[in-house]
Amino acid sequence: MNKPTDDHRDGSGVGFGVSGVPNEEPRPRPVVAVVSDLFFVSRIRETGRLTGVAVEFARTPTEVEAALVKGARFVLVDLTAGRDYDRILKAAEVARVPVLGFTTHALARATQPWHARCRRVVTKETLTQELPALLREGVGA
């Protein structure tokens, strides 16, 4: 016996309520990535695709600011790339979007000034290991 449901699927990912009006499933806000290392750009892009998490790459502080205006779950920042971190981190603070910074063991001391402004800072090795979970779950409260 078929039971009535409040949501009918047509295979497109759009739900149709009892009234027949489409109910779009809310899409999670994208992750904004400020990364220039092509290895990590490729890895982050592919992991985002595999986990179903949109990742928007930003190369300049202006691009970061524009992405944050549209909304973001968190900002992923390579702290070893020589960016205008004060401006990038200020934009994230104003937008109230958490920052996940990553660095290397060798540059941990050099990147220390920005660590306190990030919700979490990890090494590139840790980022590689935890990337799928981080993209899906975020950086915590």
Protein backbone atom coordinates (compact mmCIF):
# COMPACT_ATOMS: atom_id res chain seq x y z
CA MET A 1 0.00 0.00 0.00
CA ASN A 2 1.36 3.41 -0.95
CA LYS A 3 1.59 5.93 1.84
CA PRO A 4 1.21 9.61 0.98
CA THR A 5 4.29 11.67 1.61
CA ASP A 6 4.96 15.36 1.85
CA ASP A 7 7.76 15.14 -0.66
CA HIS A 8 7.85 13.48 -4.08
CA ARG A 9 11.08 13.20 -6.06
CA ASP A 10 11.33 13.30 -9.80
CA GLY A 11 15.05 12.42 -9.91
CA SER A 12 16.13 16.02 -10.48
CA GLY A 13 16.89 16.73 -6.83
CA VAL A 14 13.91 19.07 -6.58
CA GLY A 15 11.22 17.94 -4.20
CA PHE A 16 7.57 18.43 -5.00
CA GLY A 17 5.30 18.97 -2.03
CA VAL A 18 1.75 17.71 -1.84
CA SER A 19 0.59 20.95 -3.45
CA GLY A 20 2.81 20.27 -6.48
CA VAL A 21 5.02 23.30 -5.81
CA PRO A 22 8.74 22.62 -6.17
CA ASN A 23 10.71 22.65 -2.91
CA GLU A 24 14.36 23.28 -3.70
CA GLU A 25 16.67 21.62 -1.22
CA PRO A 26 18.82 24.25 0.44
CA ARG A 27 22.33 24.20 -0.93
CA PRO A 28 25.13 24.75 1.53
CA ARG A 29 27.03 27.98 1.12
CA PRO A 30 30.34 27.53 -0.70
CA VAL A 31 33.76 27.42 0.84
CA VAL A 32 35.98 30.29 -0.31
CA ALA A 33 39.55 29.13 -0.93
CA VAL A 34 42.51 31.51 -1.11
CA VAL A 35 45.10 29.10 -2.44
CA SER A 36 47.72 29.53 -5.15
CA ASP A 37 49.59 26.21 -4.99
CA LEU A 38 48.27 24.36 -8.06
CA PHE A 39 48.60 20.99 -6.31
CA PHE A 40 46.27 22.14 -3.53
CA VAL A 41 43.93 23.98 -5.92
CA SER A 42 43.47 20.73 -7.83
CA ARG A 43 43.08 18.63 -4.68
CA ILE A 44 40.58 21.03 -3.10
CA ARG A 45 38.56 21.34 -6.32
CA GLU A 46 38.36 17.55 -6.76
CA THR A 47 37.56 16.90 -3.09
CA GLY A 48 34.83 19.53 -3.26
CA ARG A 49 33.37 17.82 -6.31
CA LEU A 50 33.49 14.39 -4.67
CA THR A 51 31.91 15.63 -1.43
CA GLY A 52 29.30 17.77 -3.17
CA VAL A 53 30.61 20.97 -1.59
CA ALA A 54 30.98 24.04 -3.78
CA VAL A 55 34.39 25.68 -3.56
CA GLU A 56 34.95 29.18 -4.91
CA PHE A 57 38.56 30.16 -5.46
CA ALA A 58 39.62 33.75 -4.86
CA ARG A 59 43.02 35.10 -5.84
CA THR A 60 42.84 38.66 -4.54
CA PRO A 61 41.43 40.35 -1.45
CA THR A 62 38.82 41.99 -3.70
CA GLU A 63 37.68 38.56 -4.92
CA VAL A 64 37.54 37.33 -1.31
CA GLU A 65 35.41 40.32 -0.30
CA ALA A 66 33.04 39.75 -3.24
CA ALA A 67 32.69 36.04 -2.42
CA LEU A 68 31.97 36.81 1.23
CA VAL A 69 29.19 39.22 0.30
CA LYS A 70 27.45 36.32 -1.48
CA GLY A 71 27.87 34.15 1.62
CA ALA A 72 30.37 31.48 2.57
CA ARG A 73 30.61 28.65 5.08
CA PHE A 74 34.25 29.37 5.80
CA VAL A 75 37.38 30.73 4.17
CA LEU A 76 40.30 28.38 3.54
CA VAL A 77 43.54 30.39 3.45
CA ASP A 78 47.06 29.30 2.55
CA LEU A 79 49.09 31.32 5.03
CA THR A 80 52.34 30.59 3.16
CA ALA A 81 51.43 32.28 -0.14
CA GLY A 82 52.43 35.86 0.69
CA ARG A 83 48.94 37.42 0.43
CA ASP A 84 47.47 40.56 2.00
CA TYR A 85 46.37 38.54 5.03
CA ASP A 86 45.33 41.56 7.06
CA ARG A 87 42.79 42.53 4.41
CA ILE A 88 41.60 38.95 3.79
CA LEU A 89 41.19 38.20 7.51
CA LYS A 90 39.51 41.57 8.14
CA ALA A 91 36.98 40.80 5.37
CA ALA A 92 36.21 37.43 6.98
CA GLU A 93 35.87 39.04 10.42
CA VAL A 94 33.46 41.68 9.09
CA ALA A 95 31.41 38.99 7.32
CA ARG A 96 31.55 36.82 10.47
CA VAL A 97 32.84 33.88 8.47
CA PRO A 98 35.35 31.54 10.15
CA VAL A 99 38.80 31.07 8.67
CA LEU A 100 40.72 27.82 8.35
CA GLY A 101 44.36 28.69 7.79
CA PHE A 102 46.99 26.24 6.71
CA THR A 103 50.76 26.41 6.82
CA THR A 104 53.79 24.16 6.84
CA HIS A 105 55.86 22.99 9.79
CA ALA A 106 58.80 24.99 8.43
CA LEU A 107 56.77 28.23 8.18
CA ALA A 108 54.66 27.85 11.33
CA ARG A 109 56.65 30.51 13.17
CA ALA A 110 56.57 32.94 10.22
CA THR A 111 52.79 32.58 9.87
CA GLN A 112 52.18 32.89 13.62
CA PRO A 113 50.92 36.51 13.45
CA TRP A 114 47.77 35.37 11.61
CA HIS A 115 47.00 32.22 13.63
CA ALA A 116 44.98 34.02 16.30
CA ARG A 117 42.67 35.47 13.64
CA CYS A 118 41.83 32.00 12.28
CA ARG A 119 39.29 29.64 13.83
CA ARG A 120 41.76 26.83 13.23
CA VAL A 121 45.24 26.48 11.71
CA VAL A 122 46.53 23.17 10.36
CA THR A 123 49.57 21.97 8.48
CA LYS A 124 49.32 21.09 4.81
CA GLU A 125 49.65 17.42 5.80
CA THR A 126 46.67 17.67 8.17
CA LEU A 127 44.67 19.58 5.57
CA THR A 128 45.27 16.81 3.05
CA GLN A 129 44.14 14.14 5.52
CA GLU A 130 41.07 15.97 6.84
CA LEU A 131 39.94 17.86 3.72
CA PRO A 132 36.79 15.83 2.93
CA ALA A 133 35.51 16.14 6.51
CA LEU A 134 36.45 19.82 6.72
CA LEU A 135 34.60 20.65 3.51
CA ARG A 136 31.50 18.75 4.62
CA GLU A 137 31.45 19.74 8.30
CA GLY A 138 33.23 23.10 8.40
CA VAL A 139 35.69 24.28 11.02
CA GLY A 140 33.51 24.08 14.12
CA ALA A 141 32.05 26.65 16.41
